[in-house]
Protein backbone atom coordinates (compact mmCIF):
# COMPACT_ATOMS: atom_id res chain seq x y z
CA UNK A 1 -18.48 -7.18 8.24
CA UNK A 2 -16.67 -6.78 4.56
CA UNK A 3 -14.66 -10.13 4.06
CA UNK A 4 -11.01 -9.16 3.32
CA UNK A 5 -9.57 -11.09 0.36
CA UNK A 6 -6.38 -11.70 2.27
CA UNK A 7 -7.99 -13.30 5.12
CA UNK A 8 -7.51 -16.84 3.87
CA UNK A 9 -3.74 -16.03 2.96
CA UNK A 10 -3.37 -15.07 6.76
CA UNK A 11 -5.01 -18.07 7.85
CA UNK A 12 -2.81 -20.47 5.79
CA UNK A 13 0.20 -18.57 7.04
CA UNK A 14 -0.92 -19.34 10.61
CA UNK A 15 -1.09 -23.06 10.14
CA UNK A 16 2.75 -23.01 9.17
CA UNK A 17 4.60 -20.02 10.56
CA UNK A 18 5.00 -19.23 14.55
CA UNK A 19 4.52 -15.62 13.87
CA UNK A 20 2.40 -13.70 11.32
CA UNK A 21 2.88 -10.18 10.91
CA UNK A 22 -0.09 -8.07 9.59
CA UNK A 23 1.25 -4.52 8.41
CA UNK A 24 -0.30 -1.57 6.90
CA UNK A 25 -1.54 2.14 7.81
CA UNK A 26 -3.59 2.94 11.00
CA UNK A 27 -7.24 2.63 10.79
CA UNK A 28 -7.21 0.02 8.08
CA UNK A 29 -8.83 -2.77 10.03
CA UNK A 30 -5.62 -4.86 11.12
CA UNK A 31 -7.11 -5.31 14.66
CA UNK A 32 -10.59 -6.34 13.55
CA UNK A 33 -9.10 -8.88 10.85
CA UNK A 34 -6.78 -10.55 13.52
CA UNK A 35 -9.22 -10.81 16.20
CA UNK A 36 -11.91 -12.16 13.67
CA UNK A 37 -9.20 -14.52 12.50
CA UNK A 38 -8.05 -15.58 16.12
CA UNK A 39 -11.74 -16.17 17.17
CA UNK A 40 -11.83 -19.34 14.96
CA UNK A 41 -9.06 -20.84 16.92
CA UNK A 42 -9.61 -23.55 19.51
CA UNK A 43 -8.14 -21.23 22.52
CA UNK A 44 -8.96 -17.93 23.09
CA UNK A 45 -6.37 -15.37 21.88
CA UNK A 46 -4.69 -13.02 24.21
CA UNK A 47 -4.77 -9.30 22.89
CA UNK A 48 -2.20 -6.62 23.95
CA UNK A 49 -2.00 -3.20 22.73
CA UNK A 50 1.47 -1.78 22.83
CA UNK A 51 -0.20 1.84 22.66
CA UNK A 52 -1.58 1.14 26.21
CA UNK A 53 0.85 1.73 29.14
CA UNK A 54 -0.73 -1.01 31.06
CA UNK A 55 -0.17 -3.63 28.37
CA UNK A 56 3.36 -2.30 27.64
CA UNK A 57 4.10 -2.72 31.45
CA UNK A 58 3.03 -6.52 31.35
CA UNK A 59 5.88 -6.93 28.78
CA UNK A 60 8.78 -5.50 30.93
CA UNK A 61 9.71 -9.12 31.38
CA UNK A 62 8.33 -10.21 28.14
CA UNK A 63 9.91 -13.72 28.07
CA UNK A 64 8.44 -14.77 31.28
CA UNK A 65 5.14 -13.14 30.75
CA UNK A 66 4.59 -14.57 27.15
CA UNK A 67 6.14 -18.06 28.08
CA UNK A 68 2.96 -18.67 30.32
CA UNK A 69 0.88 -18.24 27.25
CA UNK A 70 2.70 -20.67 24.72
CA UNK A 71 -0.38 -22.63 24.03
CA UNK A 72 -2.53 -19.61 23.05
CA UNK A 73 -2.57 -17.32 20.03
CA UNK A 74 -1.14 -13.87 21.20
CA UNK A 75 -1.94 -10.72 19.47
CA UNK A 76 0.46 -7.66 19.62
CA UNK A 77 -0.94 -4.41 18.44
CA UNK A 78 1.20 -1.74 17.13
CA UNK A 79 4.26 -3.74 17.91
CA UNK A 80 6.58 -1.24 16.21
CA UNK A 81 6.12 0.88 19.54
CA UNK A 82 8.24 -1.75 21.54
CA UNK A 83 10.96 -2.58 19.02
CA UNK A 84 13.03 -4.69 21.41
CA UNK A 85 10.04 -7.09 21.28
CA UNK A 86 11.28 -8.62 18.30
CA UNK A 87 14.60 -9.86 20.00
CA UNK A 88 12.66 -11.27 22.92
CA UNK A 89 10.10 -13.36 20.29
CA UNK A 90 13.15 -15.18 18.64
CA UNK A 91 14.05 -17.41 21.55
CA UNK A 92 10.37 -17.83 22.65
CA UNK A 93 9.70 -19.10 19.31
CA UNK A 94 12.62 -21.37 19.15
CA UNK A 95 11.73 -22.82 22.45
CA UNK A 96 8.37 -23.70 21.35
CA UNK A 97 7.84 -23.44 17.38
CA UNK A 98 4.12 -24.03 17.49
CA UNK A 99 2.37 -22.45 14.41
CA UNK A 100 0.35 -19.34 14.82
CA UNK A 101 1.74 -18.22 18.20
CA UNK A 102 1.83 -14.84 17.74
CA UNK A 103 -0.01 -12.49 15.38
CA UNK A 104 2.05 -9.07 15.32
CA UNK A 105 0.29 -5.89 13.98
CA UNK A 106 2.18 -2.79 12.82
CA UNK A 107 1.76 0.48 11.21
CA UNK A 108 5.06 0.92 10.25
CA UNK A 109 7.72 -0.94 8.23
CA UNK A 110 10.03 -2.78 10.58
CA UNK A 111 12.96 -2.03 8.42
CA UNK A 112 12.57 1.85 9.53
CA UNK A 113 11.78 1.43 13.20
CA UNK A 114 14.60 2.68 15.24
CA UNK A 115 15.73 -0.27 17.65
CA UNK A 116 14.68 -3.09 15.50
CA UNK A 117 17.69 -5.24 15.12
CA UNK A 118 15.99 -8.91 14.84
CA UNK A 119 14.51 -10.03 11.88
CA UNK A 120 12.92 -13.28 12.84
CA UNK A 121 13.93 -14.60 9.52
CA UNK A 122 12.39 -17.80 8.69
CA UNK A 123 9.85 -17.64 11.83
CA UNK A 124 7.51 -14.98 10.51
CA UNK A 125 5.38 -14.18 7.48
CA UNK A 126 4.87 -10.63 6.41
CA UNK A 127 1.36 -9.53 4.82
CA UNK A 128 0.33 -5.88 4.00
CA UNK A 129 -3.28 -5.13 4.52
CA UNK A 130 -4.40 -2.37 2.45
CA UNK A 131 -7.47 -0.14 2.64
CA UNK A 132 -10.39 -1.79 0.91
CA UNK A 133 -9.70 -2.77 -2.49
CA UNK A 134 -12.29 -2.33 -5.54
CA UNK A 135 -12.96 -6.24 -5.59
CA UNK A 136 -13.93 -6.29 -1.66
CA UNK A 137 -16.31 -3.42 -1.61
CA UNK A 138 -20.32 -4.40 -1.32
CA UNK A 139 -22.27 -4.03 -4.61
CA UNK A 140 -24.35 -1.20 -3.05
CA UNK A 141 -20.88 0.78 -2.96
CA UNK A 142 -20.55 2.61 -6.44
CA UNK A 143 -17.07 2.02 -8.00
CA UNK A 144 -16.66 5.92 -8.54
CA UNK A 145 -17.38 6.37 -4.83
CA UNK A 146 -14.64 4.07 -4.05
CA UNK A 147 -12.20 6.20 -6.16
CA UNK A 148 -13.52 9.33 -4.65
CA UNK A 149 -13.54 8.35 -1.14
CA UNK A 150 -10.42 5.72 -1.01
CA UNK A 151 -10.55 2.62 0.91
CA UNK A 152 -10.04 3.39 4.42
CA UNK A 153 -13.05 1.60 6.27
CA UNK A 154 -14.34 4.99 8.13
CA UNK A 155 -14.18 7.19 5.29
CA UNK A 156 -15.72 4.63 2.67
CA UNK A 157 -18.67 3.40 4.93
CA UNK A 158 -19.55 6.82 6.49
CA UNK A 159 -23.15 7.69 6.09
CA UNK A 160 -22.69 11.25 5.11
CA UNK A 161 -20.00 12.98 2.96
CA UNK A 162 -19.32 15.39 5.51
CA UNK A 163 -18.32 12.69 7.85
CA UNK A 164 -16.13 11.03 5.10
CA UNK A 165 -14.10 14.36 4.55
CA UNK A 166 -14.04 14.98 8.50
CA UNK A 167 -12.46 11.61 9.25
CA UNK A 168 -10.07 11.92 6.21
CA UNK A 169 -8.86 15.63 7.22
CA UNK A 170 -8.43 14.10 10.90
CA UNK A 171 -6.39 11.37 9.76
CA UNK A 172 -4.18 13.59 7.73
CA UNK A 173 -3.82 15.83 10.64
CA UNK A 174 -3.09 13.10 13.12
CA UNK A 175 -0.10 11.59 10.93
CA UNK A 176 1.12 15.36 10.45
CA UNK A 177 1.21 16.43 14.05
CA UNK A 178 1.91 13.12 15.84
CA UNK A 179 1.70 9.86 14.11
CA UNK A 180 4.82 9.76 12.25
CA UNK A 181 7.00 10.76 14.98
CA UNK A 182 5.07 8.23 17.08
CA UNK A 183 5.34 5.26 14.92
CA UNK A 184 9.07 5.55 14.09
CA UNK A 185 10.41 7.37 17.49
CA UNK A 186 12.11 10.20 15.63
CA UNK A 187 11.86 13.80 15.78
CA UNK A 188 10.20 15.19 12.58
CA UNK A 189 8.99 18.80 11.54
CA UNK A 190 5.23 18.80 11.26
CA UNK A 191 5.41 21.89 9.00
CA UNK A 192 7.92 20.07 6.80
CA UNK A 193 5.57 16.78 6.58
CA UNK A 194 2.49 18.98 5.72
CA UNK A 195 4.24 20.96 3.09
CA UNK A 196 5.81 17.74 1.53
CA UNK A 197 2.42 15.85 1.48
CA UNK A 198 0.57 18.74 -0.25
CA UNK A 199 3.46 19.07 -2.87
CA UNK A 200 3.47 15.34 -3.32
CA UNK A 201 -0.53 15.59 -3.86
CA UNK A 202 -0.06 18.13 -6.45
CA UNK A 203 2.57 16.07 -8.48
CA UNK A 204 1.15 12.72 -7.84
CA UNK A 205 2.36 10.31 -10.15
CA UNK A 206 5.26 12.48 -11.28
CA UNK A 207 8.93 11.59 -11.56
CA UNK A 208 10.72 12.04 -8.33
CA UNK A 209 13.21 14.53 -7.90
CA UNK A 210 14.36 15.26 -4.49
CA UNK A 211 16.48 18.45 -5.32
CA UNK A 212 13.47 20.14 -6.63
CA UNK A 213 11.53 19.21 -3.38
CA UNK A 214 14.41 20.09 -1.34
CA UNK A 215 14.59 23.62 -2.88
CA UNK A 216 10.86 24.35 -2.33
CA UNK A 217 10.86 23.35 1.24
CA UNK A 218 14.17 24.99 2.06
CA UNK A 219 15.91 21.76 3.37
CA UNK A 220 18.53 19.27 1.97
CA UNK A 221 17.72 16.44 -0.39
CA UNK A 222 18.76 14.03 2.19
CA UNK A 223 16.40 15.69 4.59
CA UNK A 224 13.46 15.12 2.02
CA UNK A 225 14.42 11.66 1.14
CA UNK A 226 14.29 10.84 5.22
CA UNK A 227 10.64 12.27 5.29
CA UNK A 228 9.73 10.24 1.95
CA UNK A 229 11.09 7.02 3.48
CA UNK A 230 8.90 7.59 6.52
CA UNK A 231 5.77 8.29 4.64
CA UNK A 232 6.42 5.26 2.52
CA UNK A 233 7.20 3.19 5.60
CA UNK A 234 3.84 4.24 6.93
CA UNK A 235 2.24 2.80 3.81
CA UNK A 236 0.95 6.37 2.86
CA UNK A 237 2.90 6.86 -0.32
CA UNK A 238 4.31 4.47 -3.16
CA UNK A 239 7.54 5.00 -5.01
CA UNK A 240 7.03 2.85 -8.31
CA UNK A 241 10.31 2.21 -9.60
CA UNK A 242 11.35 2.21 -13.32
CA UNK A 243 11.84 -1.08 -15.37
CA UNK A 244 15.62 -0.37 -16.26
CA UNK A 245 17.07 -3.65 -17.72
CA UNK A 246 17.45 -2.69 -21.32
CA UNK A 247 20.89 -1.62 -21.92
CA UNK A 248 20.27 -0.45 -25.58
CA UNK A 249 17.92 2.49 -24.56
CA UNK A 250 18.34 5.49 -22.69
CA UNK A 251 15.85 4.91 -19.74
CA UNK A 252 14.37 7.14 -17.30
CA UNK A 253 15.75 5.87 -13.78
CA UNK A 254 13.91 7.83 -11.20
CA UNK A 255 10.88 6.53 -9.69
CA UNK A 256 7.17 7.79 -9.78
CA UNK A 257 5.56 8.81 -6.58
CA UNK A 258 2.04 8.34 -5.59
CA UNK A 259 -0.13 9.17 -2.68
CA UNK A 260 -1.70 5.74 -2.19
CA UNK A 261 -5.08 6.06 -0.87
CA UNK A 262 -7.50 8.18 -3.39
CA UNK A 263 -9.55 9.62 -0.70
CA UNK A 264 -6.33 10.99 1.15
CA UNK A 265 -5.17 12.61 -2.19
CA UNK A 266 -8.68 14.05 -2.95
CA UNK A 267 -8.68 15.31 0.79
CA UNK A 268 -5.42 17.01 0.30
CA UNK A 269 -6.32 18.58 -3.19
CA UNK A 270 -9.85 19.40 -1.65
CA UNK A 271 -11.81 17.58 -4.15
CA UNK A 272 -15.02 16.62 -2.53
CA UNK A 273 -16.89 15.18 -5.50
CA UNK A 274 -16.61 13.30 -8.93
CA UNK A 275 -17.31 16.59 -10.68
CA UNK A 276 -14.73 18.17 -8.69
CA UNK A 277 -12.00 15.56 -9.83
CA UNK A 278 -13.02 15.54 -13.42
CA UNK A 279 -12.60 19.26 -13.76
CA UNK A 280 -9.09 19.42 -11.90
CA UNK A 281 -5.85 19.24 -13.70
CA UNK A 282 -4.95 16.24 -11.47
CA UNK A 283 -7.78 14.16 -12.78
CA UNK A 284 -5.69 11.84 -15.01
CA UNK A 285 -3.07 11.49 -12.35
CA UNK A 286 -5.48 10.76 -9.56
CA UNK A 287 -7.08 8.03 -11.76
CA UNK A 288 -3.78 6.41 -12.65
CA UNK A 289 -2.78 6.43 -8.85
CA UNK A 290 -5.78 4.67 -8.12
CA UNK A 291 -5.42 2.01 -10.79
CA UNK A 292 -1.89 1.38 -9.72
CA UNK A 293 -2.89 0.82 -6.14
CA UNK A 294 -5.55 -1.34 -7.17
CA UNK A 295 -3.33 -3.80 -9.32
CA UNK A 296 -0.98 -3.83 -6.50
CA UNK A 297 -3.50 -5.26 -4.12
CA UNK A 298 -4.72 -7.88 -6.14
CA UNK A 299 -1.66 -9.01 -8.35
CA UNK A 300 0.05 -12.31 -7.50
CA UNK A 301 2.75 -11.97 -4.71
CA UNK A 302 5.19 -13.46 -7.20
CA UNK A 303 4.71 -10.59 -9.59
CA UNK A 304 6.74 -7.30 -9.28
CA UNK A 305 5.39 -3.90 -10.56
CA UNK A 306 7.45 -1.12 -12.49
CA UNK A 307 6.79 1.58 -14.96
CA UNK A 308 8.61 2.12 -18.31
CA UNK A 309 9.96 5.23 -19.78
CA UNK A 310 12.69 6.14 -22.33
CA UNK A 311 14.11 9.44 -23.24
CA UNK A 312 12.79 8.85 -26.63
CA UNK A 313 9.14 8.83 -25.71
CA UNK A 314 8.46 5.19 -25.13
CA UNK A 315 6.25 4.95 -21.98
CA UNK A 316 3.73 2.73 -20.21
CA UNK A 317 2.20 3.13 -17.04
CA UNK A 318 2.76 -0.38 -15.39
CA UNK A 319 4.85 -3.22 -16.36
CA UNK A 320 4.19 -6.27 -14.63
CA UNK A 321 7.47 -8.39 -14.11
CA UNK A 322 8.32 -11.98 -12.68
CA UNK A 323 12.03 -11.93 -11.88
CA UNK A 324 13.53 -10.47 -15.16
CA UNK A 325 10.91 -11.27 -17.52
CA UNK A 326 8.25 -8.43 -18.36
CA UNK A 327 4.81 -10.06 -18.55
CA UNK A 328 2.46 -7.12 -19.33
CA UNK A 329 2.53 -3.72 -20.53
CA UNK A 330 -0.52 -1.55 -19.21
CA UNK A 331 -1.70 1.86 -20.00
CA UNK A 332 -3.97 3.76 -17.79
CA UNK A 333 -6.69 5.88 -19.53
CA UNK A 334 -9.24 7.80 -17.76
CA UNK A 335 -11.36 8.19 -20.84
CA UNK A 336 -13.52 5.25 -21.99
CA UNK A 337 -12.72 5.88 -25.77
CA UNK A 338 -8.95 5.97 -25.38
CA UNK A 339 -6.41 6.53 -28.14
CA UNK A 340 -3.29 4.23 -27.76
CA UNK A 341 -0.03 6.33 -28.04
CA UNK A 342 2.90 5.27 -30.39
CA UNK A 343 4.98 5.22 -27.10
CA UNK A 344 2.88 2.37 -25.63
CA UNK A 345 3.38 0.29 -28.88
CA UNK A 346 7.16 1.07 -28.75
CA UNK A 347 7.11 -0.17 -25.13
CA UNK A 348 5.39 -3.42 -25.81
CA UNK A 349 8.02 -4.09 -28.62
CA UNK A 350 10.93 -3.09 -26.46
CA UNK A 351 9.86 -5.31 -23.40
CA UNK A 352 8.45 -8.17 -26.00
CA UNK A 353 5.46 -8.69 -23.93
CA UNK A 354 2.52 -10.75 -25.11
CA UNK A 355 -0.22 -8.87 -22.67
CA UNK A 356 -0.93 -5.38 -23.81
CA UNK A 357 -3.82 -3.86 -21.88
CA UNK A 358 -5.44 -0.42 -21.78
CA UNK A 359 -7.19 0.09 -18.70
CA UNK A 360 -10.36 2.42 -18.61
CA UNK A 361 -13.04 3.30 -16.02
CA UNK A 362 -16.10 1.29 -17.62
CA UNK A 363 -15.53 0.73 -21.25
CA UNK A 364 -16.81 -2.35 -22.96
CA UNK A 365 -13.91 -4.76 -23.68
CA UNK A 366 -12.67 -4.94 -27.23
CA UNK A 367 -9.25 -5.62 -28.86
CA UNK A 368 -7.39 -2.91 -30.86
CA UNK A 369 -4.71 -3.17 -33.19
CA UNK A 370 -1.69 -5.40 -32.27
CA UNK A 371 -3.69 -7.45 -30.17
CA UNK A 372 -4.15 -4.46 -27.45
CA UNK A 373 -7.05 -5.36 -25.09
CA UNK A 374 -8.91 -2.31 -23.97
CA UNK A 375 -10.96 -3.07 -20.77
CA UNK A 376 -12.51 -1.75 -17.65
CA UNK A 377 -10.41 -1.74 -14.26
CA UNK A 378 -13.15 -3.89 -12.60
CA UNK A 379 -12.73 -6.48 -15.37
CA UNK A 380 -9.09 -6.16 -15.57
CA UNK A 381 -8.83 -7.06 -11.92
CA UNK A 382 -11.36 -9.68 -11.97
CA UNK A 383 -10.60 -11.70 -15.12
CA UNK A 384 -7.26 -10.70 -16.80
CA UNK A 385 -4.85 -10.13 -13.82
CA UNK A 386 -5.27 -13.48 -12.19
CA UNK A 387 -4.11 -14.96 -15.51
CA UNK A 388 -0.87 -12.90 -15.56
CA UNK A 389 1.55 -15.04 -13.23
């Protein structure tokens, strides 16, 4: 089993909070991780899957049923399928506030699930479990393979390429035909989901414009925004917001949109090898999105991520910020011999940062003019990112 870096964080949270939620897309390994963590506890954990009718029936009187297990850790899987359960958990926790009572697993953001009205504020810790990150994969898996296949366990660890792409295609089709509706309890058009996802793949990393997508899909802008909300709420896409606290500049204020897992992106674009990617117009955007996701996975939780772009041409792909203080400007390049744009230097001056970094696939590290560090993605994640906090 591949050890997840977040495991220690979740274990620590269970020592303090009565409930810990592990959220993330389906098939990312939430159940496996929760059972692994629970197995280290003194009492055997109780596992209930809300996707099973028999387990949902046990919770028709949730308070009475769960009260009998107050001394055991209870794992509630796919908890978004029983949204009224959140309101049942609050009094149970308040009556017996024992750390680590509940581990809630969910494949959808609770804020978007119809019927969830109880926040459990102060009683619960939330952790997002992503697909395997670059620092988690075993050494026998090439880093380029991780970019190509993405981080979902079944795709990355498949023995044959054909199995990887068969799994990824099935994953995409399942979300299009059933899963998004199932997760959020809403009616959605599978044809719109499919077209929207494919459009997003072809403009991956581009500036979001709801009106353009709406015209192409033949729907209204609010409808497109609703579908994008659900894709983001299912942890499938990311809207990277612009850094805008700079009154003296005319700034781009719309977000960039990325498909979060590179394997899903490449499947949608029908790119099945590194050669396919490098010869495709989307190569640079694919690498940029991959790097953005890796930074998100391994950054300190106190650090927020943005991008920066002005109408005058200043731009950097990622700005790392704590509170209102920019800490680092990051440029992402697919070449190992990058040329650094004037717009990047201007951005660094605008934001007054000391950390100026250009990330490449595998270049040797060196310092360019104005103390810009050029380094590989792996070395940045391993050595530089932990120091930015």
